[in-house]
Protein backbone atom coordinates (compact mmCIF):
# COMPACT_ATOMS: atom_id res chain seq x y z
CA UNK A 1 0.05 -0.03 -0.06
CA UNK A 2 1.49 3.43 -0.99
CA UNK A 3 2.66 5.49 1.94
CA UNK A 4 1.17 8.98 2.34
CA UNK A 5 3.79 11.58 1.97
CA UNK A 6 4.01 13.19 5.45
CA UNK A 7 5.41 16.33 6.86
CA UNK A 8 8.81 14.59 7.21
CA UNK A 9 9.22 14.89 3.30
CA UNK A 10 8.77 18.79 3.33
CA UNK A 11 12.57 19.68 4.04
CA UNK A 12 13.49 17.59 0.94
CA UNK A 13 10.91 19.30 -1.20
CA UNK A 14 12.06 22.75 0.12
CA UNK A 15 15.79 21.75 -0.57
CA UNK A 16 14.89 20.81 -4.15
CA UNK A 17 13.03 24.13 -4.71
CA UNK A 18 16.09 26.02 -3.19
CA UNK A 19 18.40 24.00 -5.65
CA UNK A 20 16.13 25.07 -8.52
CA UNK A 21 16.26 28.68 -7.46
CA UNK A 22 20.05 28.64 -7.29
CA UNK A 23 20.40 26.89 -10.60
CA UNK A 24 18.17 29.55 -12.16
CA UNK A 25 20.09 32.28 -10.50
CA UNK A 26 23.53 30.75 -11.74
CA UNK A 27 22.05 30.56 -15.22
CA UNK A 28 20.83 34.20 -15.12
CA UNK A 29 24.23 35.59 -16.20
CA UNK A 30 23.33 38.30 -18.63
CA UNK A 31 21.54 40.93 -16.54
CA UNK A 32 23.74 42.53 -13.79
CA UNK A 33 21.39 45.40 -12.44
CA UNK A 34 17.75 44.88 -13.06
CA UNK A 35 16.73 48.18 -11.46
CA UNK A 36 18.35 50.13 -14.39
CA UNK A 37 15.95 48.17 -16.64
CA UNK A 38 12.87 49.37 -14.69
CA UNK A 39 11.23 52.18 -16.92
CA UNK A 40 9.99 54.13 -13.72
CA UNK A 41 13.39 53.77 -11.81
CA UNK A 42 14.83 57.23 -10.84
CA UNK A 43 18.33 57.13 -12.40
CA UNK A 44 21.33 59.23 -11.78
CA UNK A 45 21.47 62.47 -13.64
CA UNK A 46 24.26 61.52 -15.83
CA UNK A 47 21.92 58.81 -17.27
CA UNK A 48 19.27 61.42 -18.26
CA UNK A 49 19.81 62.23 -22.03
CA UNK A 50 17.88 63.89 -24.82
CA UNK A 51 15.94 66.34 -22.56
CA UNK A 52 18.47 69.25 -22.12
CA UNK A 53 16.02 72.09 -22.93
CA UNK A 54 13.08 70.54 -20.64
CA UNK A 55 15.55 70.04 -17.83
CA UNK A 56 16.83 73.59 -18.11
CA UNK A 57 13.33 75.10 -18.23
CA UNK A 58 12.16 73.12 -15.17
CA UNK A 59 15.18 73.87 -13.03
CA UNK A 60 14.84 77.68 -14.03
CA UNK A 61 11.22 77.53 -12.73
CA UNK A 62 11.78 75.59 -9.55
CA UNK A 63 15.14 76.79 -8.51
CA UNK A 64 13.44 79.85 -6.56
CA UNK A 65 12.46 77.31 -3.83
CA UNK A 66 16.08 77.28 -2.53
CA UNK A 67 15.61 80.91 -1.73
CA UNK A 68 12.35 80.06 0.06
CA UNK A 69 10.16 81.59 -2.70
CA UNK A 70 7.16 79.93 -4.28
CA UNK A 71 7.94 78.25 -7.61
CA UNK A 72 5.36 78.83 -10.37
CA UNK A 73 2.86 76.30 -11.28
CA UNK A 74 3.95 74.01 -14.21
CA UNK A 75 2.13 72.24 -16.96
CA UNK A 76 4.21 69.32 -18.47
CA UNK A 77 2.61 67.74 -21.57
CA UNK A 78 3.61 65.31 -24.23
CA UNK A 79 3.24 61.54 -25.16
CA UNK A 80 3.83 58.81 -22.81
CA UNK A 81 7.47 57.82 -22.01
CA UNK A 82 8.98 61.08 -22.90
CA UNK A 83 10.51 61.86 -19.82
CA UNK A 84 8.08 64.03 -17.94
CA UNK A 85 8.03 62.36 -14.66
CA UNK A 86 11.76 61.49 -14.97
CA UNK A 87 12.84 65.13 -15.40
CA UNK A 88 10.63 66.64 -12.62
CA UNK A 89 11.59 64.08 -10.19
CA UNK A 90 15.19 64.52 -10.82
CA UNK A 91 15.06 68.38 -10.44
CA UNK A 92 12.92 68.12 -7.23
CA UNK A 93 15.21 65.54 -5.63
CA UNK A 94 18.09 67.91 -6.03
CA UNK A 95 16.11 70.97 -4.79
CA UNK A 96 15.03 68.97 -1.69
CA UNK A 97 18.65 68.29 -0.80
CA UNK A 98 19.65 71.96 -1.33
CA UNK A 99 16.78 73.08 0.82
CA UNK A 100 17.62 70.87 3.60
CA UNK A 101 21.18 72.21 3.68
CA UNK A 102 19.43 75.81 4.03
CA UNK A 103 16.95 74.72 6.73
CA UNK A 104 13.95 75.24 4.28
CA UNK A 105 11.13 72.79 4.73
CA UNK A 106 10.51 71.94 1.13
CA UNK A 107 8.19 68.96 0.35
CA UNK A 108 7.39 67.14 -2.91
CA UNK A 109 4.12 65.26 -2.98
CA UNK A 110 3.63 63.09 -6.11
CA UNK A 111 0.20 61.50 -6.96
CA UNK A 112 -0.74 59.50 -9.94
CA UNK A 113 -4.35 60.22 -10.69
CA UNK A 114 -5.12 57.24 -12.95
CA UNK A 115 -6.79 55.04 -10.31
CA UNK A 116 -8.38 57.80 -8.29
CA UNK A 117 -12.15 58.21 -8.93
CA UNK A 118 -13.27 61.37 -7.14
CA UNK A 119 -12.25 64.75 -5.90
CA UNK A 120 -12.68 63.65 -2.42
CA UNK A 121 -10.50 60.61 -2.83
CA UNK A 122 -7.81 62.79 -4.46
CA UNK A 123 -7.77 65.24 -1.61
CA UNK A 124 -7.65 62.44 0.98
CA UNK A 125 -4.83 60.76 -0.92
CA UNK A 126 -2.81 63.92 -0.99
CA UNK A 127 -3.25 64.34 2.79
CA UNK A 128 -2.20 60.71 3.23
CA UNK A 129 0.88 61.24 1.22
CA UNK A 130 1.77 64.33 3.11
CA UNK A 131 1.40 62.55 6.35
CA UNK A 132 3.62 59.74 5.10
CA UNK A 133 6.18 62.13 4.02
CA UNK A 134 6.55 63.80 7.37
CA UNK A 135 5.89 60.64 9.48
CA UNK A 136 2.51 61.62 10.87
CA UNK A 137 -1.15 60.51 10.52
CA UNK A 138 -4.20 61.90 8.91
CA UNK A 139 -6.66 62.86 11.66
CA UNK A 140 -9.93 62.63 9.72
CA UNK A 141 -11.57 59.54 8.18
CA UNK A 142 -11.51 58.82 4.49
CA UNK A 143 -15.25 58.37 4.08
CA UNK A 144 -18.29 59.81 5.62
CA UNK A 145 -17.14 63.29 5.90
CA UNK A 146 -17.49 66.42 3.58
CA UNK A 147 -14.55 67.33 1.21
CA UNK A 148 -14.22 70.49 3.12
CA UNK A 149 -12.93 68.88 6.24
CA UNK A 150 -10.47 66.87 4.03
CA UNK A 151 -9.25 70.09 2.61
CA UNK A 152 -8.78 71.64 6.06
CA UNK A 153 -6.83 68.47 7.15
CA UNK A 154 -4.61 68.69 4.20
CA UNK A 155 -3.90 72.39 4.75
CA UNK A 156 -3.17 71.65 8.48
CA UNK A 157 -0.64 69.19 7.49
CA UNK A 158 1.06 71.38 5.08
CA UNK A 159 1.07 74.39 7.48
CA UNK A 160 2.60 72.42 10.22
CA UNK A 161 5.40 70.64 8.31
CA UNK A 162 6.32 72.80 5.15
CA UNK A 163 7.59 76.11 4.12
CA UNK A 164 6.94 75.34 0.50
CA UNK A 165 5.41 72.20 -1.05
CA UNK A 166 5.30 71.19 -4.76
CA UNK A 167 2.33 68.95 -5.78
CA UNK A 168 3.04 66.78 -8.84
CA UNK A 169 -0.17 65.45 -10.31
CA UNK A 170 0.64 62.74 -12.80
CA UNK A 171 -1.88 61.76 -15.47
CA UNK A 172 -4.19 64.46 -14.10
CA UNK A 173 -6.58 64.22 -17.00
CA UNK A 174 -7.53 60.67 -15.76
CA UNK A 175 -9.30 62.24 -12.74
CA UNK A 176 -12.71 62.94 -14.25
CA UNK A 177 -14.87 62.09 -11.28
CA UNK A 178 -18.40 63.38 -10.96
CA UNK A 179 -18.77 66.60 -12.99
CA UNK A 180 -19.94 69.82 -11.19
CA UNK A 181 -21.49 72.26 -13.55
CA UNK A 182 -19.81 70.22 -16.40
CA UNK A 183 -16.39 70.79 -14.80
CA UNK A 184 -14.24 67.62 -14.22
CA UNK A 185 -12.72 66.80 -10.90
CA UNK A 186 -9.25 67.59 -12.09
CA UNK A 187 -10.26 71.06 -12.73
CA UNK A 188 -11.67 71.61 -9.33
CA UNK A 189 -8.57 70.14 -7.76
CA UNK A 190 -6.33 72.55 -9.82
CA UNK A 191 -8.52 75.29 -8.69
CA UNK A 192 -8.47 74.52 -4.92
CA UNK A 193 -4.64 73.87 -4.78
CA UNK A 194 -3.54 76.76 -7.02
CA UNK A 195 -5.59 79.24 -4.97
CA UNK A 196 -4.59 77.86 -1.54
CA UNK A 197 -1.88 80.47 -1.05
CA UNK A 198 -4.44 83.25 -1.20
CA UNK A 199 -6.70 81.78 1.39
CA UNK A 200 -6.45 82.34 5.19
CA UNK A 201 -6.53 78.58 5.79
CA UNK A 202 -2.90 78.02 4.47
CA UNK A 203 0.29 79.87 5.31
CA UNK A 204 2.84 77.56 3.41
CA UNK A 205 3.72 78.17 -0.34
CA UNK A 206 2.00 75.82 -2.65
CA UNK A 207 3.01 75.07 -6.24
CA UNK A 208 1.30 72.60 -8.59
CA UNK A 209 2.71 70.71 -11.33
CA UNK A 210 0.29 69.07 -13.74
CA UNK A 211 1.54 66.20 -16.01
CA UNK A 212 -0.39 64.71 -18.79
CA UNK A 213 -0.31 62.91 -22.12
CA UNK A 214 -3.34 64.77 -23.37
CA UNK A 215 -2.20 68.09 -25.05
CA UNK A 216 -5.90 69.20 -25.03
CA UNK A 217 -6.48 68.80 -21.38
CA UNK A 218 -6.47 72.54 -20.42
CA UNK A 219 -9.34 72.93 -22.84
CA UNK A 220 -11.50 71.23 -20.25
CA UNK A 221 -10.17 73.20 -17.39
CA UNK A 222 -12.89 75.69 -15.98
CA UNK A 223 -12.37 79.55 -16.27
CA UNK A 224 -11.90 79.75 -12.40
CA UNK A 225 -9.12 77.21 -12.41
CA UNK A 226 -7.57 78.68 -15.64
CA UNK A 227 -7.25 82.18 -13.95
CA UNK A 228 -5.61 80.69 -10.65
CA UNK A 229 -3.52 77.95 -12.15
CA UNK A 230 -1.82 80.06 -14.99
CA UNK A 231 0.97 77.53 -15.36
CA UNK A 232 4.40 77.65 -17.17
CA UNK A 233 4.25 75.35 -20.15
CA UNK A 234 6.87 72.64 -20.89
CA UNK A 235 6.41 70.49 -23.87
CA UNK A 236 7.98 67.02 -24.08
CA UNK A 237 8.11 65.93 -27.77
CA UNK A 238 8.68 62.24 -28.89
CA UNK A 239 12.17 60.85 -28.53
CA UNK A 240 13.76 60.15 -31.80
CA UNK A 241 15.75 56.89 -32.61
CA UNK A 242 18.96 58.65 -31.93
CA UNK A 243 17.87 59.75 -28.44
CA UNK A 244 16.38 56.49 -27.77
CA UNK A 245 19.90 54.85 -28.41
CA UNK A 246 21.49 57.34 -26.20
CA UNK A 247 19.08 56.39 -23.39
CA UNK A 248 19.76 52.78 -23.89
CA UNK A 249 23.42 53.13 -24.04
CA UNK A 250 23.37 55.08 -20.77
CA UNK A 251 21.90 51.98 -19.22
CA UNK A 252 23.97 49.44 -20.95
CA UNK A 253 25.72 48.63 -17.83
CA UNK A 254 22.60 46.92 -16.50
CA UNK A 255 23.95 43.95 -18.39
CA UNK A 256 27.29 42.18 -17.95
CA UNK A 257 30.06 43.18 -20.31
CA UNK A 258 29.75 41.52 -23.68
CA UNK A 259 26.18 40.34 -22.83
CA UNK A 260 24.58 42.45 -25.70
CA UNK A 261 25.21 41.86 -29.37
CA UNK A 262 26.04 45.03 -31.36
CA UNK A 263 22.57 45.15 -33.13
CA UNK A 264 20.33 44.85 -30.06
CA UNK A 265 20.30 48.59 -28.73
CA UNK A 266 19.83 49.96 -32.25
CA UNK A 267 17.04 47.55 -32.86
CA UNK A 268 15.26 48.19 -29.63
CA UNK A 269 15.64 51.94 -30.26
CA UNK A 270 14.09 51.66 -33.80
CA UNK A 271 11.24 49.74 -32.57
CA UNK A 272 10.43 52.15 -29.76
CA UNK A 273 10.88 55.07 -32.23
CA UNK A 274 8.17 53.62 -34.50
CA UNK A 275 5.69 53.66 -31.62
CA UNK A 276 5.73 57.30 -30.45
CA UNK A 277 9.22 57.47 -29.33
CA UNK A 278 8.39 55.88 -25.93
CA UNK A 279 11.52 55.60 -23.75
CA UNK A 280 9.64 53.31 -21.35
CA UNK A 281 8.99 50.89 -24.09
CA UNK A 282 12.75 51.00 -25.29
CA UNK A 283 13.87 50.06 -21.76
CA UNK A 284 11.13 47.46 -21.35
CA UNK A 285 12.27 45.89 -24.47
CA UNK A 286 15.74 45.55 -23.16
CA UNK A 287 14.49 44.00 -19.98
CA UNK A 288 12.20 41.62 -21.49
CA UNK A 289 14.83 40.61 -24.32
CA UNK A 290 17.41 39.83 -21.46
CA UNK A 291 15.01 37.73 -19.56
CA UNK A 292 14.08 35.89 -22.73
CA UNK A 293 17.78 35.28 -23.45
CA UNK A 294 18.50 34.22 -19.92
CA UNK A 295 15.58 31.70 -19.93
CA UNK A 296 17.07 30.29 -23.26
CA UNK A 297 20.34 29.96 -21.30
CA UNK A 298 22.49 31.65 -24.29
CA UNK A 299 25.58 33.69 -23.87
CA UNK A 300 24.16 36.90 -25.25
CA UNK A 301 21.02 38.93 -26.02
CA UNK A 302 20.59 39.01 -29.77
CA UNK A 303 18.48 40.45 -32.55
CA UNK A 304 15.90 37.55 -32.22
CA UNK A 305 15.38 38.24 -28.54
CA UNK A 306 14.50 41.85 -29.31
CA UNK A 307 12.05 40.75 -31.85
CA UNK A 308 10.43 38.33 -29.55
CA UNK A 309 10.32 40.94 -26.73
CA UNK A 310 8.69 43.34 -29.19
CA UNK A 311 5.72 41.10 -29.80
CA UNK A 312 5.39 40.31 -25.96
CA UNK A 313 5.64 43.90 -24.78
CA UNK A 314 3.07 45.02 -27.35
CA UNK A 315 0.65 42.45 -26.28
CA UNK A 316 1.29 42.94 -22.60
CA UNK A 317 0.63 46.91 -22.90
CA UNK A 318 -2.55 46.38 -24.92
CA UNK A 319 -3.78 43.76 -22.37
CA UNK A 320 -3.02 46.16 -19.49
CA UNK A 321 -4.91 49.09 -21.11
CA UNK A 322 -7.88 47.10 -22.51
CA UNK A 323 -8.39 44.96 -19.31
CA UNK A 324 -10.25 47.81 -17.54
CA UNK A 325 -12.30 49.38 -20.38
CA UNK A 326 -15.87 48.75 -21.00
CA UNK A 327 -17.34 46.17 -23.41
CA UNK A 328 -18.50 49.05 -25.71
CA UNK A 329 -15.09 50.59 -25.80
CA UNK A 330 -13.65 47.20 -26.68
CA UNK A 331 -16.12 46.84 -29.62
CA UNK A 332 -15.32 50.23 -30.87
CA UNK A 333 -11.71 49.56 -30.57
CA UNK A 334 -11.88 46.16 -32.13
CA UNK A 335 -13.88 47.47 -35.23
CA UNK A 336 -11.61 50.27 -35.83
CA UNK A 337 -8.55 48.16 -35.43
CA UNK A 338 -9.91 45.77 -37.96
CA UNK A 339 -10.21 48.48 -40.44
CA UNK A 340 -6.65 49.82 -39.70
CA UNK A 341 -5.31 46.32 -40.15
CA UNK A 342 -6.33 46.37 -43.79
CA UNK A 343 -5.57 49.96 -44.59
CA UNK A 344 -2.05 50.03 -43.22
CA UNK A 345 -2.60 51.67 -39.91
CA UNK A 346 -5.40 54.35 -40.19
CA UNK A 347 -9.21 54.03 -40.01
CA UNK A 348 -11.80 56.55 -41.11
CA UNK A 349 -14.50 57.02 -38.58
CA UNK A 350 -17.49 56.15 -41.04
CA UNK A 351 -15.68 52.92 -41.99
CA UNK A 352 -14.97 52.09 -38.32
CA UNK A 353 -18.51 52.70 -37.40
CA UNK A 354 -19.91 50.47 -40.12
CA UNK A 355 -17.66 47.59 -38.84
CA UNK A 356 -18.93 48.34 -35.30
CA UNK A 357 -22.44 48.03 -36.34
CA UNK A 358 -21.57 44.50 -37.87
CA UNK A 359 -19.86 43.42 -34.70
CA UNK A 360 -22.66 44.54 -32.38
CA UNK A 361 -25.20 42.87 -34.73
CA UNK A 362 -23.26 39.64 -34.84
CA UNK A 363 -22.74 39.58 -30.90
CA UNK A 364 -26.22 40.94 -30.33
CA UNK A 365 -24.78 43.65 -28.25
CA UNK A 366 -26.25 47.13 -27.60
CA UNK A 367 -25.56 49.38 -30.63
CA UNK A 368 -24.92 53.14 -30.25
CA UNK A 369 -25.06 55.96 -32.71
CA UNK A 370 -22.11 57.06 -34.72
CA UNK A 371 -21.62 60.15 -32.41
CA UNK A 372 -21.25 57.85 -29.44
CA UNK A 373 -18.89 55.63 -31.35
CA UNK A 374 -16.66 58.60 -32.19
CA UNK A 375 -16.86 59.90 -28.50
CA UNK A 376 -15.66 56.45 -27.18
CA UNK A 377 -12.83 56.37 -29.61
CA UNK A 378 -11.79 59.89 -28.65
CA UNK A 379 -11.76 58.69 -24.96
CA UNK A 380 -9.29 56.02 -25.98
CA UNK A 381 -6.68 58.60 -26.98
CA UNK A 382 -5.92 59.07 -23.15
CA UNK A 383 -4.53 55.46 -23.17
CA UNK A 384 -2.05 56.37 -25.97
CA UNK A 385 -3.45 53.52 -28.01
CA UNK A 386 -5.01 55.63 -30.63
CA UNK A 387 -4.67 59.17 -32.11
CA UNK A 388 -7.31 61.20 -33.90
CA UNK A 389 -7.03 63.78 -36.63
CA UNK A 390 -9.92 65.51 -38.44
CA UNK A 391 -9.73 65.16 -42.15
CA UNK A 392 -11.74 66.86 -44.98
CA UNK A 393 -13.48 64.82 -47.76
CA UNK A 394 -13.64 67.84 -49.98
CA UNK A 395 -15.35 71.21 -50.19
CA UNK A 396 -18.86 69.73 -50.35
CA UNK A 397 -18.57 66.44 -48.53
CA UNK A 398 -17.79 67.39 -45.05
CA UNK A 399 -15.25 65.96 -42.80
CA UNK A 400 -14.48 62.81 -40.70
CA UNK A 401 -11.99 61.71 -38.03
CA UNK A 402 -9.04 59.48 -38.84
CA UNK A 403 -7.91 57.13 -36.24
CA UNK A 404 -4.16 55.90 -36.15
CA UNK A 405 -2.80 53.29 -33.85
CA UNK A 406 0.33 53.48 -31.84
CA UNK A 407 0.60 49.66 -31.49
CA UNK A 408 0.07 46.99 -34.34
CA UNK A 409 -3.73 46.88 -35.05
CA UNK A 410 -3.31 42.97 -35.20
CA UNK A 411 -1.95 42.87 -31.71
CA UNK A 412 -4.95 44.94 -30.45
CA UNK A 413 -7.25 42.57 -32.21
CA UNK A 414 -5.62 39.39 -30.94
CA UNK A 415 -5.58 40.86 -27.33
CA UNK A 416 -9.13 41.91 -27.42
CA UNK A 417 -10.21 38.40 -28.66
CA UNK A 418 -9.14 36.97 -25.35
CA UNK A 419 -12.39 38.68 -24.02
CA UNK A 420 -14.96 35.92 -24.00
CA UNK A 421 -17.54 38.11 -25.84
CA UNK A 422 -15.19 38.77 -28.75
CA UNK A 423 -14.17 35.08 -29.05
CA UNK A 424 -17.25 34.52 -31.02
CA UNK A 425 -16.15 36.83 -33.87
CA UNK A 426 -15.09 34.92 -36.87
CA UNK A 427 -11.86 36.32 -38.07
CA UNK A 428 -12.16 35.55 -41.77
CA UNK A 429 -15.76 36.76 -42.03
CA UNK A 430 -14.75 40.00 -40.24
CA UNK A 431 -11.95 40.50 -42.67
CA UNK A 432 -14.45 40.06 -45.60
CA UNK A 433 -16.81 42.64 -44.16
CA UNK A 434 -14.01 45.07 -43.70
CA UNK A 435 -12.63 44.75 -47.20
CA UNK A 436 -16.26 45.18 -48.65
CA UNK A 437 -16.71 48.41 -46.68
CA UNK A 438 -13.25 49.73 -47.83
CA UNK A 439 -14.10 48.91 -51.43
CA UNK A 440 -17.48 50.61 -51.48
């Protein structure tokens, strides 16, 4: 009769797992410093390349803090992965050190607004971050009290612990929340923070830096917030292939000497340059390629590892973005990507809508009017998956929106098909429908 494996076998099992871990660690001989391959890692300033003018501008604006003066408000805008957070964090880190040497209580509070749903949540999160920064606690509850009390608590913490504080609001345009008089939550947050210094409730100096990928965000800021925020603008353009190569060479020592073949960095830079010049993607490509090569137990990261990493990174990013969007947005995106796949990367809104109608009919899903379809596609621009441009059909034929994709449309389609609703779409039939619409 077989013996039931008892607890006495656990040490042996644990030992073999340890052996496996050690074997894998020994085989992982290509990457030396993984932190340098993390896209959001705050790196030494000598590794910051390709952003000299933005670095100079932001330093010029914020340096007054070391004289205990209030820095101006800033508006940093440009595509994802172009160095906005990297530069502002590097400058603020140095200003904090200089202020400490001069006994100036200078604070930097950074909040990513992507997963914050309401104005009240944003105010409480800022208070919590201030409390963590100075080693104390928030003295009001998160729920069940008016926002006014949360603001007072935030002001109290600032007054007690800072002479000057800079709030860095990353991806601010994502804080839409409940609209008040058609004003989004991010507009009301900007208004309250930027006017804080002019109220009797706060004595410290407050500066606000808004960061966004959406170049049109300020169009949705209310007039009160515009008049009190009045920021200095700093634009971050796409990195070109040469700048991306410099960025990757500056992190080359993340790998052991000789671990990269000569074509790896140029190819990774070229792939990233093709998709909006995103430095995060370039760095992520290198990390993923390194892991693929280590898993294959080879002596170098080579071109084929970058190409495999490109496919994997693209799919992961699309999956991350699309996982949280509504079914209707998925249908709109799926239909538009199906058109773009057949046309070489761009889709006219009327064509995309007709394919959307086919999809909703096939899947027996709710079908919205063309205006709603267009609005949902516009909303997807905030995820950097798609860009829009208005085009004219001629002097007497009106205009339409053209959607272009930052990622391979086929990757978007494949990823969206992992949704159980979209698995029922027959790819060949869809392709036939799309081609018929294009040829009309």
